[in-house]
Amino acid sequence: RPSGYTITFTGGMTKLKVNGQVVKDSAQLKDHDKIELGSHRFQ
């Protein structure tokens, strides 16, 4: 988006986490945020 990047959980059994916190809808992303989706991890 013009204001930045937003990550949205779109459903399923795999949990989405940003900085260790479960995201059930959407979260604004900031520099150096850690994203977890199942066993996969990204910064």
PDB file of all heavy atoms in Angstrom:
ATOM      1  N   ARG A   1       0.843  -1.188   0.000  1.00  0.00           N
ATOM      2  CA  ARG A   1       0.000   0.000   0.000  1.00  0.00           C
ATOM      3  C   ARG A   1       0.884   1.246   0.000  1.00  0.00           C
ATOM      4  O   ARG A   1       2.057   1.169   0.356  1.00  0.00           O
ATOM      5  CB  ARG A   1      -0.903   0.013   1.243  1.00  0.00           C
ATOM      6  CG  ARG A   1      -1.648  -1.284   1.471  1.00  0.00           C
ATOM      7  CD  ARG A   1      -2.425  -1.248   2.766  1.00  0.00           C
ATOM      8  NE  ARG A   1      -3.092  -2.512   3.029  1.00  0.00           N
ATOM      9  CZ  ARG A   1      -3.832  -2.752   4.099  1.00  0.00           C
ATOM     10  NH1 ARG A   1      -3.986  -1.821   5.013  1.00  0.00           N
ATOM     11  NH2 ARG A   1      -4.423  -3.931   4.261  1.00  0.00           N
ATOM     12  N   PRO A   2       0.321   2.388  -0.353  1.00  0.00           N
ATOM     13  CA  PRO A   2       1.106   3.625  -0.278  1.00  0.00           C
ATOM     14  C   PRO A   2       1.621   3.904   1.125  1.00  0.00           C
ATOM     15  O   PRO A   2       2.664   4.528   1.300  1.00  0.00           O
ATOM     16  CB  PRO A   2       0.098   4.698  -0.729  1.00  0.00           C
ATOM     17  CG  PRO A   2      -0.853   3.961  -1.608  1.00  0.00           C
ATOM     18  CD  PRO A   2      -0.985   2.598  -0.999  1.00  0.00           C
ATOM     19  N   SER A   3       0.897   3.429   2.142  1.00  0.00           N
ATOM     20  CA  SER A   3       1.305   3.670   3.520  1.00  0.00           C
ATOM     21  C   SER A   3       2.273   2.619   4.052  1.00  0.00           C
ATOM     22  O   SER A   3       2.762   2.734   5.175  1.00  0.00           O
ATOM     23  CB  SER A   3       0.070   3.713   4.428  1.00  0.00           C
ATOM     24  OG  SER A   3      -0.631   2.479   4.357  1.00  0.00           O
ATOM     25  N   GLY A   4       2.563   1.574   3.257  1.00  0.00           N
ATOM     26  CA  GLY A   4       3.464   0.529   3.717  1.00  0.00           C
ATOM     27  C   GLY A   4       2.951  -0.856   3.347  1.00  0.00           C
ATOM     28  O   GLY A   4       2.180  -1.017   2.403  1.00  0.00           O
ATOM     29  N   TYR A   5       3.364  -1.853   4.115  1.00  0.00           N
ATOM     30  CA  TYR A   5       3.008  -3.239   3.845  1.00  0.00           C
ATOM     31  C   TYR A   5       2.175  -3.805   4.993  1.00  0.00           C
ATOM     32  O   TYR A   5       2.452  -3.557   6.164  1.00  0.00           O
ATOM     33  CB  TYR A   5       4.268  -4.088   3.671  1.00  0.00           C
ATOM     34  CG  TYR A   5       5.012  -3.813   2.384  1.00  0.00           C
ATOM     35  CD1 TYR A   5       5.918  -2.758   2.293  1.00  0.00           C
ATOM     36  CD2 TYR A   5       4.810  -4.593   1.253  1.00  0.00           C
ATOM     37  CE1 TYR A   5       6.604  -2.491   1.122  1.00  0.00           C
ATOM     38  CE2 TYR A   5       5.492  -4.337   0.065  1.00  0.00           C
ATOM     39  CZ  TYR A   5       6.382  -3.296   0.007  1.00  0.00           C
ATOM     40  OH  TYR A   5       7.049  -3.045  -1.160  1.00  0.00           O
ATOM     41  N   THR A   6       1.163  -4.607   4.625  1.00  0.00           N
ATOM     42  CA  THR A   6       0.293  -5.249   5.606  1.00  0.00           C
ATOM     43  C   THR A   6       0.209  -6.732   5.299  1.00  0.00           C
ATOM     44  O   THR A   6       0.028  -7.126   4.137  1.00  0.00           O
ATOM     45  CB  THR A   6      -1.119  -4.637   5.572  1.00  0.00           C
ATOM     46  OG1 THR A   6      -1.044  -3.257   5.923  1.00  0.00           O
ATOM     47  CG2 THR A   6      -2.045  -5.336   6.564  1.00  0.00           C
ATOM     48  N   ILE A   7       0.350  -7.569   6.329  1.00  0.00           N
ATOM     49  CA  ILE A   7       0.210  -9.009   6.155  1.00  0.00           C
ATOM     50  C   ILE A   7      -1.142  -9.442   6.701  1.00  0.00           C
ATOM     51  O   ILE A   7      -1.585  -8.965   7.747  1.00  0.00           O
ATOM     52  CB  ILE A   7       1.370  -9.775   6.834  1.00  0.00           C
ATOM     53  CG1 ILE A   7       1.320 -11.256   6.419  1.00  0.00           C
ATOM     54  CG2 ILE A   7       1.364  -9.613   8.354  1.00  0.00           C
ATOM     55  CD1 ILE A   7       2.594 -12.015   6.752  1.00  0.00           C
ATOM     56  N   THR A   8      -1.824 -10.328   5.971  1.00  0.00           N
ATOM     57  CA  THR A   8      -3.170 -10.776   6.324  1.00  0.00           C
ATOM     58  C   THR A   8      -3.216 -12.295   6.385  1.00  0.00           C
ATOM     59  O   THR A   8      -2.742 -12.977   5.467  1.00  0.00           O
ATOM     60  CB  THR A   8      -4.202 -10.279   5.297  1.00  0.00           C
ATOM     61  OG1 THR A   8      -4.175  -8.856   5.268  1.00  0.00           O
ATOM     62  CG2 THR A   8      -5.605 -10.745   5.652  1.00  0.00           C
ATOM     63  N   PHE A   9      -3.771 -12.816   7.467  1.00  0.00           N
ATOM     64  CA  PHE A   9      -3.999 -14.255   7.585  1.00  0.00           C
ATOM     65  C   PHE A   9      -5.220 -14.604   6.759  1.00  0.00           C
ATOM     66  O   PHE A   9      -6.284 -13.999   6.912  1.00  0.00           O
ATOM     67  CB  PHE A   9      -4.222 -14.625   9.051  1.00  0.00           C
ATOM     68  CG  PHE A   9      -4.558 -16.081   9.274  1.00  0.00           C
ATOM     69  CD1 PHE A   9      -3.624 -17.063   9.030  1.00  0.00           C
ATOM     70  CD2 PHE A   9      -5.824 -16.454   9.721  1.00  0.00           C
ATOM     71  CE1 PHE A   9      -3.933 -18.406   9.228  1.00  0.00           C
ATOM     72  CE2 PHE A   9      -6.141 -17.779   9.929  1.00  0.00           C
ATOM     73  CZ  PHE A   9      -5.190 -18.763   9.685  1.00  0.00           C
ATOM     74  N   THR A  10      -5.103 -15.572   5.853  1.00  0.00           N
ATOM     75  CA  THR A  10      -6.210 -15.889   4.953  1.00  0.00           C
ATOM     76  C   THR A  10      -6.884 -17.212   5.277  1.00  0.00           C
ATOM     77  O   THR A  10      -7.741 -17.674   4.528  1.00  0.00           O
ATOM     78  CB  THR A  10      -5.725 -15.903   3.495  1.00  0.00           C
ATOM     79  OG1 THR A  10      -4.625 -16.812   3.365  1.00  0.00           O
ATOM     80  CG2 THR A  10      -5.270 -14.521   3.063  1.00  0.00           C
ATOM     81  N   GLY A  11      -6.524 -17.833   6.399  1.00  0.00           N
ATOM     82  CA  GLY A  11      -7.213 -19.034   6.835  1.00  0.00           C
ATOM     83  C   GLY A  11      -6.351 -20.281   6.744  1.00  0.00           C
ATOM     84  O   GLY A  11      -5.253 -20.286   6.187  1.00  0.00           O
ATOM     85  N   GLY A  12      -6.868 -21.375   7.310  1.00  0.00           N
ATOM     86  CA  GLY A  12      -6.141 -22.634   7.299  1.00  0.00           C
ATOM     87  C   GLY A  12      -5.649 -23.012   8.680  1.00  0.00           C
ATOM     88  O   GLY A  12      -5.881 -22.316   9.668  1.00  0.00           O
ATOM     89  N   MET A  13      -4.957 -24.138   8.767  1.00  0.00           N
ATOM     90  CA  MET A  13      -4.504 -24.685  10.046  1.00  0.00           C
ATOM     91  C   MET A  13      -3.137 -24.166  10.475  1.00  0.00           C
ATOM     92  O   MET A  13      -2.750 -24.310  11.636  1.00  0.00           O
ATOM     93  CB  MET A  13      -4.475 -26.220   9.978  1.00  0.00           C
ATOM     94  CG  MET A  13      -5.838 -26.838   9.691  1.00  0.00           C
ATOM     95  SD  MET A  13      -5.776 -28.636   9.571  1.00  0.00           S
ATOM     96  CE  MET A  13      -5.337 -29.070  11.256  1.00  0.00           C
ATOM     97  N   THR A  14      -2.391 -23.576   9.550  1.00  0.00           N
ATOM     98  CA  THR A  14      -1.073 -23.056   9.876  1.00  0.00           C
ATOM     99  C   THR A  14      -1.192 -21.672  10.498  1.00  0.00           C
ATOM    100  O   THR A  14      -1.824 -20.783   9.928  1.00  0.00           O
ATOM    101  CB  THR A  14      -0.191 -22.975   8.614  1.00  0.00           C
ATOM    102  OG1 THR A  14      -0.117 -24.272   8.019  1.00  0.00           O
ATOM    103  CG2 THR A  14       1.201 -22.499   8.955  1.00  0.00           C
ATOM    104  N   LYS A  15      -0.597 -21.465  11.662  1.00  0.00           N
ATOM    105  CA  LYS A  15      -0.674 -20.176  12.345  1.00  0.00           C
ATOM    106  C   LYS A  15       0.288 -19.159  11.727  1.00  0.00           C
ATOM    107  O   LYS A  15       1.392 -19.505  11.323  1.00  0.00           O
ATOM    108  CB  LYS A  15      -0.350 -20.329  13.829  1.00  0.00           C
ATOM    109  CG  LYS A  15      -1.427 -21.055  14.632  1.00  0.00           C
ATOM    110  CD  LYS A  15      -1.076 -21.090  16.106  1.00  0.00           C
ATOM    111  CE  LYS A  15      -2.168 -21.770  16.912  1.00  0.00           C
ATOM    112  NZ  LYS A  15      -1.852 -21.825  18.358  1.00  0.00           N
ATOM    113  N   LEU A  16      -0.176 -17.923  11.667  1.00  0.00           N
ATOM    114  CA  LEU A  16       0.662 -16.804  11.245  1.00  0.00           C
ATOM    115  C   LEU A  16       1.062 -16.022  12.486  1.00  0.00           C
ATOM    116  O   LEU A  16       0.206 -15.654  13.293  1.00  0.00           O
ATOM    117  CB  LEU A  16      -0.092 -15.902  10.274  1.00  0.00           C
ATOM    118  CG  LEU A  16       0.559 -14.546   9.952  1.00  0.00           C
ATOM    119  CD1 LEU A  16       1.869 -14.736   9.189  1.00  0.00           C
ATOM    120  CD2 LEU A  16      -0.402 -13.654   9.158  1.00  0.00           C
ATOM    121  N   LYS A  17       2.365 -15.769  12.643  1.00  0.00           N
ATOM    122  CA  LYS A  17       2.858 -14.997  13.778  1.00  0.00           C
ATOM    123  C   LYS A  17       3.756 -13.867  13.287  1.00  0.00           C
ATOM    124  O   LYS A  17       4.517 -14.043  12.335  1.00  0.00           O
ATOM    125  CB  LYS A  17       3.653 -15.884  14.757  1.00  0.00           C
ATOM    126  CG  LYS A  17       2.837 -16.965  15.436  1.00  0.00           C
ATOM    127  CD  LYS A  17       3.707 -17.762  16.409  1.00  0.00           C
ATOM    128  CE  LYS A  17       2.926 -18.865  17.103  1.00  0.00           C
ATOM    129  NZ  LYS A  17       3.773 -19.642  18.036  1.00  0.00           N
ATOM    130  N   VAL A  18       3.643 -12.717  13.938  1.00  0.00           N
ATOM    131  CA  VAL A  18       4.552 -11.594  13.702  1.00  0.00           C
ATOM    132  C   VAL A  18       5.169 -11.237  15.044  1.00  0.00           C
ATOM    133  O   VAL A  18       4.459 -10.905  15.989  1.00  0.00           O
ATOM    134  CB  VAL A  18       3.815 -10.376  13.103  1.00  0.00           C
ATOM    135  CG1 VAL A  18       4.766  -9.199  12.983  1.00  0.00           C
ATOM    136  CG2 VAL A  18       3.232 -10.717  11.739  1.00  0.00           C
ATOM    137  N   ASN A  19       6.488 -11.362  15.121  1.00  0.00           N
ATOM    138  CA  ASN A  19       7.224 -11.130  16.379  1.00  0.00           C
ATOM    139  C   ASN A  19       6.666 -11.980  17.516  1.00  0.00           C
ATOM    140  O   ASN A  19       6.537 -11.533  18.652  1.00  0.00           O
ATOM    141  CB  ASN A  19       7.190  -9.647  16.756  1.00  0.00           C
ATOM    142  CG  ASN A  19       7.853  -8.777  15.707  1.00  0.00           C
ATOM    143  OD1 ASN A  19       8.814  -9.191  15.057  1.00  0.00           O
ATOM    144  ND2 ASN A  19       7.340  -7.564  15.517  1.00  0.00           N
ATOM    145  N   GLY A  20       6.314 -13.219  17.195  1.00  0.00           N
ATOM    146  CA  GLY A  20       5.849 -14.168  18.199  1.00  0.00           C
ATOM    147  C   GLY A  20       4.377 -14.061  18.540  1.00  0.00           C
ATOM    148  O   GLY A  20       3.856 -14.910  19.273  1.00  0.00           O
ATOM    149  N   GLN A  21       3.678 -13.056  18.024  1.00  0.00           N
ATOM    150  CA  GLN A  21       2.263 -12.859  18.318  1.00  0.00           C
ATOM    151  C   GLN A  21       1.411 -13.410  17.173  1.00  0.00           C
ATOM    152  O   GLN A  21       1.660 -13.116  16.006  1.00  0.00           O
ATOM    153  CB  GLN A  21       1.952 -11.371  18.512  1.00  0.00           C
ATOM    154  CG  GLN A  21       2.715 -10.729  19.667  1.00  0.00           C
ATOM    155  CD  GLN A  21       2.337 -11.313  21.013  1.00  0.00           C
ATOM    156  OE1 GLN A  21       1.149 -11.484  21.314  1.00  0.00           O
ATOM    157  NE2 GLN A  21       3.335 -11.613  21.821  1.00  0.00           N
ATOM    158  N   VAL A  22       0.398 -14.212  17.530  1.00  0.00           N
ATOM    159  CA  VAL A  22      -0.480 -14.792  16.517  1.00  0.00           C
ATOM    160  C   VAL A  22      -1.320 -13.694  15.865  1.00  0.00           C
ATOM    161  O   VAL A  22      -1.906 -12.852  16.543  1.00  0.00           O
ATOM    162  CB  VAL A  22      -1.411 -15.866  17.135  1.00  0.00           C
ATOM    163  CG1 VAL A  22      -2.406 -16.386  16.096  1.00  0.00           C
ATOM    164  CG2 VAL A  22      -0.591 -17.019  17.692  1.00  0.00           C
ATOM    165  N   VAL A  23      -1.358 -13.708  14.538  1.00  0.00           N
ATOM    166  CA  VAL A  23      -2.156 -12.741  13.774  1.00  0.00           C
ATOM    167  C   VAL A  23      -3.358 -13.481  13.195  1.00  0.00           C
ATOM    168  O   VAL A  23      -3.198 -14.410  12.395  1.00  0.00           O
ATOM    169  CB  VAL A  23      -1.330 -12.106  12.636  1.00  0.00           C
ATOM    170  CG1 VAL A  23      -2.207 -11.190  11.784  1.00  0.00           C
ATOM    171  CG2 VAL A  23      -0.152 -11.336  13.208  1.00  0.00           C
ATOM    172  N   LYS A  24      -4.560 -13.072  13.613  1.00  0.00           N
ATOM    173  CA  LYS A  24      -5.779 -13.728  13.133  1.00  0.00           C
ATOM    174  C   LYS A  24      -6.460 -12.949  12.025  1.00  0.00           C
ATOM    175  O   LYS A  24      -7.369 -13.461  11.372  1.00  0.00           O
ATOM    176  CB  LYS A  24      -6.754 -13.938  14.287  1.00  0.00           C
ATOM    177  CG  LYS A  24      -6.239 -14.920  15.336  1.00  0.00           C
ATOM    178  CD  LYS A  24      -7.281 -15.165  16.412  1.00  0.00           C
ATOM    179  CE  LYS A  24      -6.787 -16.192  17.424  1.00  0.00           C
ATOM    180  NZ  LYS A  24      -7.790 -16.450  18.490  1.00  0.00           N
ATOM    181  N   ASP A  25      -6.067 -11.679  11.821  1.00  0.00           N
ATOM    182  CA  ASP A  25      -6.627 -10.895  10.720  1.00  0.00           C
ATOM    183  C   ASP A  25      -5.500 -10.220   9.945  1.00  0.00           C
ATOM    184  O   ASP A  25      -4.931 -10.812   9.061  1.00  0.00           O
ATOM    185  CB  ASP A  25      -7.657  -9.885  11.226  1.00  0.00           C
ATOM    186  CG  ASP A  25      -7.249  -9.235  12.542  1.00  0.00           C
ATOM    187  OD1 ASP A  25      -6.158  -8.646  12.593  1.00  0.00           O
ATOM    188  OD2 ASP A  25      -8.018  -9.305  13.501  1.00  0.00           O
ATOM    189  N   SER A  26      -5.153  -8.976  10.288  1.00  0.00           N
ATOM    190  CA  SER A  26      -4.089  -8.268   9.572  1.00  0.00           C
ATOM    191  C   SER A  26      -3.160  -7.549  10.537  1.00  0.00           C
ATOM    192  O   SER A  26      -3.545  -7.231  11.664  1.00  0.00           O
ATOM    193  CB  SER A  26      -4.690  -7.241   8.600  1.00  0.00           C
ATOM    194  OG  SER A  26      -5.497  -7.869   7.634  1.00  0.00           O
ATOM    195  N   ALA A  27      -1.928  -7.291  10.084  1.00  0.00           N
ATOM    196  CA  ALA A  27      -0.951  -6.557  10.892  1.00  0.00           C
ATOM    197  C   ALA A  27      -0.064  -5.726   9.969  1.00  0.00           C
ATOM    198  O   ALA A  27       0.365  -6.199   8.914  1.00  0.00           O
ATOM    199  CB  ALA A  27      -0.093  -7.513  11.716  1.00  0.00           C
ATOM    200  N   GLN A  28       0.180  -4.475  10.375  1.00  0.00           N
ATOM    201  CA  GLN A  28       1.085  -3.595   9.632  1.00  0.00           C
ATOM    202  C   GLN A  28       2.515  -4.056   9.882  1.00  0.00           C
ATOM    203  O   GLN A  28       2.897  -4.326  11.027  1.00  0.00           O
ATOM    204  CB  GLN A  28       0.903  -2.148  10.099  1.00  0.00           C
ATOM    205  CG  GLN A  28       1.709  -1.131   9.332  1.00  0.00           C
ATOM    206  CD  GLN A  28       1.044  -0.707   8.040  1.00  0.00           C
ATOM    207  OE1 GLN A  28      -0.151  -0.893   7.884  1.00  0.00           O
ATOM    208  NE2 GLN A  28       1.806  -0.146   7.123  1.00  0.00           N
ATOM    209  N   LEU A  29       3.303  -4.171   8.824  1.00  0.00           N
ATOM    210  CA  LEU A  29       4.683  -4.628   8.962  1.00  0.00           C
ATOM    211  C   LEU A  29       5.643  -3.460   9.120  1.00  0.00           C
ATOM    212  O   LEU A  29       5.496  -2.426   8.472  1.00  0.00           O
ATOM    213  CB  LEU A  29       5.077  -5.461   7.744  1.00  0.00           C
ATOM    214  CG  LEU A  29       4.382  -6.826   7.600  1.00  0.00           C
ATOM    215  CD1 LEU A  29       4.766  -7.485   6.286  1.00  0.00           C
ATOM    216  CD2 LEU A  29       4.715  -7.734   8.778  1.00  0.00           C
ATOM    217  N   LYS A  30       6.627  -3.660   9.994  1.00  0.00           N
ATOM    218  CA  LYS A  30       7.665  -2.660  10.239  1.00  0.00           C
ATOM    219  C   LYS A  30       9.027  -3.299   9.983  1.00  0.00           C
ATOM    220  O   LYS A  30       9.171  -4.532  10.021  1.00  0.00           O
ATOM    221  CB  LYS A  30       7.585  -2.142  11.683  1.00  0.00           C
ATOM    222  CG  LYS A  30       6.230  -1.564  12.057  1.00  0.00           C
ATOM    223  CD  LYS A  30       6.219  -1.057  13.488  1.00  0.00           C
ATOM    224  CE  LYS A  30       6.463  -2.167  14.495  1.00  0.00           C
ATOM    225  NZ  LYS A  30       5.361  -3.161  14.483  1.00  0.00           N
ATOM    226  N   ASP A  31      10.028  -2.460   9.735  1.00  0.00           N
ATOM    227  CA  ASP A  31      11.378  -2.968   9.508  1.00  0.00           C
ATOM    228  C   ASP A  31      11.806  -3.892  10.639  1.00  0.00           C
ATOM    229  O   ASP A  31      11.592  -3.594  11.823  1.00  0.00           O
ATOM    230  CB  ASP A  31      12.370  -1.811   9.389  1.00  0.00           C
ATOM    231  CG  ASP A  31      12.482  -1.315   7.959  1.00  0.00           C
ATOM    232  OD1 ASP A  31      12.066  -2.041   7.041  1.00  0.00           O
ATOM    233  OD2 ASP A  31      12.973  -0.190   7.753  1.00  0.00           O
ATOM    234  N   HIS A  32      12.397  -5.030  10.248  1.00  0.00           N
ATOM    235  CA  HIS A  32      12.976  -6.029  11.151  1.00  0.00           C
ATOM    236  C   HIS A  32      11.926  -6.893  11.857  1.00  0.00           C
ATOM    237  O   HIS A  32      12.266  -7.662  12.762  1.00  0.00           O
ATOM    238  CB  HIS A  32      13.900  -5.369  12.196  1.00  0.00           C
ATOM    239  CG  HIS A  32      14.893  -4.425  11.611  1.00  0.00           C
ATOM    240  ND1 HIS A  32      15.805  -4.816  10.645  1.00  0.00           N
ATOM    241  CD2 HIS A  32      15.107  -3.098  11.818  1.00  0.00           C
ATOM    242  CE1 HIS A  32      16.546  -3.782  10.300  1.00  0.00           C
ATOM    243  NE2 HIS A  32      16.132  -2.724  10.988  1.00  0.00           N
ATOM    244  N   ASP A  33      10.638  -6.781  11.453  1.00  0.00           N
ATOM    245  CA  ASP A  33       9.632  -7.701  11.988  1.00  0.00           C
ATOM    246  C   ASP A  33       9.972  -9.125  11.581  1.00  0.00           C
ATOM    247  O   ASP A  33      10.417  -9.375  10.448  1.00  0.00           O
ATOM    248  CB  ASP A  33       8.236  -7.350  11.455  1.00  0.00           C
ATOM    249  CG  ASP A  33       7.569  -6.239  12.244  1.00  0.00           C
ATOM    250  OD1 ASP A  33       8.106  -5.863  13.303  1.00  0.00           O
ATOM    251  OD2 ASP A  33       6.505  -5.759  11.808  1.00  0.00           O
ATOM    252  N   LYS A  34       9.733 -10.072  12.485  1.00  0.00           N
ATOM    253  CA  LYS A  34       9.951 -11.490  12.195  1.00  0.00           C
ATOM    254  C   LYS A  34       8.602 -12.147  11.940  1.00  0.00           C
ATOM    255  O   LYS A  34       7.681 -12.049  12.756  1.00  0.00           O
ATOM    256  CB  LYS A  34      10.695 -12.167  13.342  1.00  0.00           C
ATOM    257  CG  LYS A  34      12.154 -11.750  13.437  1.00  0.00           C
ATOM    258  CD  LYS A  34      12.886 -12.493  14.543  1.00  0.00           C
ATOM    259  CE  LYS A  34      14.392 -12.202  14.486  1.00  0.00           C
ATOM    260  NZ  LYS A  34      14.696 -10.768  14.617  1.00  0.00           N
ATOM    261  N   ILE A  35       8.484 -12.822  10.808  1.00  0.00           N
ATOM    262  CA  ILE A  35       7.241 -13.465  10.381  1.00  0.00           C
ATOM    263  C   ILE A  35       7.419 -14.973  10.440  1.00  0.00           C
ATOM    264  O   ILE A  35       8.423 -15.509   9.951  1.00  0.00           O
ATOM    265  CB  ILE A  35       6.868 -13.037   8.947  1.00  0.00           C
ATOM    266  CG1 ILE A  35       6.641 -11.525   8.886  1.00  0.00           C
ATOM    267  CG2 ILE A  35       5.643 -13.786   8.451  1.00  0.00           C
ATOM    268  CD1 ILE A  35       6.536 -10.990   7.470  1.00  0.00           C
ATOM    269  N   GLU A  36       6.458 -15.655  11.054  1.00  0.00           N
ATOM    270  CA  GLU A  36       6.462 -17.121  11.113  1.00  0.00           C
ATOM    271  C   GLU A  36       5.183 -17.644  10.481  1.00  0.00           C
ATOM    272  O   GLU A  36       4.091 -17.176  10.781  1.00  0.00           O
ATOM    273  CB  GLU A  36       6.541 -17.610  12.555  1.00  0.00           C
ATOM    274  CG  GLU A  36       7.808 -17.229  13.294  1.00  0.00           C
ATOM    275  CD  GLU A  36       7.784 -17.678  14.738  1.00  0.00           C
ATOM    276  OE1 GLU A  36       7.582 -18.885  14.979  1.00  0.00           O
ATOM    277  OE2 GLU A  36       7.924 -16.821  15.628  1.00  0.00           O
ATOM    278  N   LEU A  37       5.322 -18.616   9.612  1.00  0.00           N
ATOM    279  CA  LEU A  37       4.187 -19.288   8.994  1.00  0.00           C
ATOM    280  C   LEU A  37       4.497 -20.775   9.001  1.00  0.00           C
ATOM    281  O   LEU A  37       5.263 -21.268   8.181  1.00  0.00           O
ATOM    282  CB  LEU A  37       3.972 -18.776   7.578  1.00  0.00           C
ATOM    283  CG  LEU A  37       2.610 -19.007   6.923  1.00  0.00           C
ATOM    284  CD1 LEU A  37       1.479 -18.465   7.795  1.00  0.00           C
ATOM    285  CD2 LEU A  37       2.545 -18.375   5.558  1.00  0.00           C
ATOM    286  N   GLY A  38       3.932 -21.460   9.997  1.00  0.00           N
ATOM    287  CA  GLY A  38       4.321 -22.851  10.208  1.00  0.00           C
ATOM    288  C   GLY A  38       5.775 -22.911  10.630  1.00  0.00           C
ATOM    289  O   GLY A  38       6.207 -22.199  11.538  1.00  0.00           O
ATOM    290  N   SER A  39       6.560 -23.743   9.951  1.00  0.00           N
ATOM    291  CA  SER A  39       7.988 -23.876  10.283  1.00  0.00           C
ATOM    292  C   SER A  39       8.855 -22.882   9.521  1.00  0.00           C
ATOM    293  O   SER A  39      10.070 -22.842   9.712  1.00  0.00           O
ATOM    294  CB  SER A  39       8.459 -25.301   9.954  1.00  0.00           C
ATOM    295  OG  SER A  39       8.287 -25.582   8.578  1.00  0.00           O
ATOM    296  N   HIS A  40       8.243 -22.058   8.690  1.00  0.00           N
ATOM    297  CA  HIS A  40       8.995 -21.105   7.880  1.00  0.00           C
ATOM    298  C   HIS A  40       9.103 -19.763   8.602  1.00  0.00           C
ATOM    299  O   HIS A  40       8.122 -19.255   9.137  1.00  0.00           O
ATOM    300  CB  HIS A  40       8.317 -20.914   6.517  1.00  0.00           C
ATOM    301  CG  HIS A  40       8.208 -22.174   5.730  1.00  0.00           C
ATOM    302  ND1 HIS A  40       9.221 -22.640   4.917  1.00  0.00           N
ATOM    303  CD2 HIS A  40       7.207 -23.087   5.651  1.00  0.00           C
ATOM    304  CE1 HIS A  40       8.845 -23.777   4.354  1.00  0.00           C
ATOM    305  NE2 HIS A  40       7.629 -24.067   4.780  1.00  0.00           N
ATOM    306  N   ARG A  41      10.301 -19.181   8.586  1.00  0.00           N
ATOM    307  CA  ARG A  41      10.540 -17.911   9.276  1.00  0.00           C
ATOM    308  C   ARG A  41      11.205 -16.916   8.322  1.00  0.00           C
ATOM    309  O   ARG A  41      12.086 -17.279   7.548  1.00  0.00           O
ATOM    310  CB  ARG A  41      11.422 -18.129  10.509  1.00  0.00           C
ATOM    311  CG  ARG A  41      10.781 -19.012  11.575  1.00  0.00           C
ATOM    312  CD  ARG A  41      11.631 -19.094  12.833  1.00  0.00           C
ATOM    313  NE  ARG A  41      12.955 -19.632  12.547  1.00  0.00           N
ATOM    314  CZ  ARG A  41      14.095 -19.018  12.847  1.00  0.00           C
ATOM    315  NH1 ARG A  41      14.076 -17.838  13.456  1.00  0.00           N
ATOM    316  NH2 ARG A  41      15.257 -19.577  12.570  1.00  0.00           N
ATOM    317  N   PHE A  42      10.770 -15.673   8.410  1.00  0.00           N
ATOM    318  CA  PHE A  42      11.303 -14.614   7.560  1.00  0.00           C
ATOM    319  C   PHE A  42      11.509 -13.355   8.398  1.00  0.00           C
ATOM    320  O   PHE A  42      10.868 -13.163   9.431  1.00  0.00           O
ATOM    321  CB  PHE A  42      10.337 -14.272   6.413  1.00  0.00           C
ATOM    322  CG  PHE A  42       9.981 -15.426   5.535  1.00  0.00           C
ATOM    323  CD1 PHE A  42       8.919 -16.257   5.849  1.00  0.00           C
ATOM    324  CD2 PHE A  42      10.703 -15.693   4.382  1.00  0.00           C
ATOM    325  CE1 PHE A  42       8.571 -17.326   5.046  1.00  0.00           C
ATOM    326  CE2 PHE A  42      10.371 -16.762   3.563  1.00  0.00           C
ATOM    327  CZ  PHE A  42       9.304 -17.579   3.894  1.00  0.00           C
ATOM    328  N   GLN A  43      12.388 -12.491   7.917  1.00  0.00           N
ATOM    329  CA  GLN A  43      12.500 -11.151   8.494  1.00  0.00           C
ATOM    330  C   GLN A  43      12.119 -10.146   7.408  1.00  0.00           C
ATOM    331  O   GLN A  43      12.593 -10.215   6.282  1.00  0.00           O
ATOM    332  CB  GLN A  43      13.912 -10.856   8.990  1.00  0.00           C
ATOM    333  CG  GLN A  43      14.008  -9.503   9.703  1.00  0.00           C
ATOM    334  CD  GLN A  43      15.366  -9.278  10.338  1.00  0.00           C
ATOM    335  OE1 GLN A  43      16.387  -9.341   9.651  1.00  0.00           O
ATOM    336  NE2 GLN A  43      15.399  -9.024  11.630  1.00  0.00           N
TER     337      GLN A  43
END
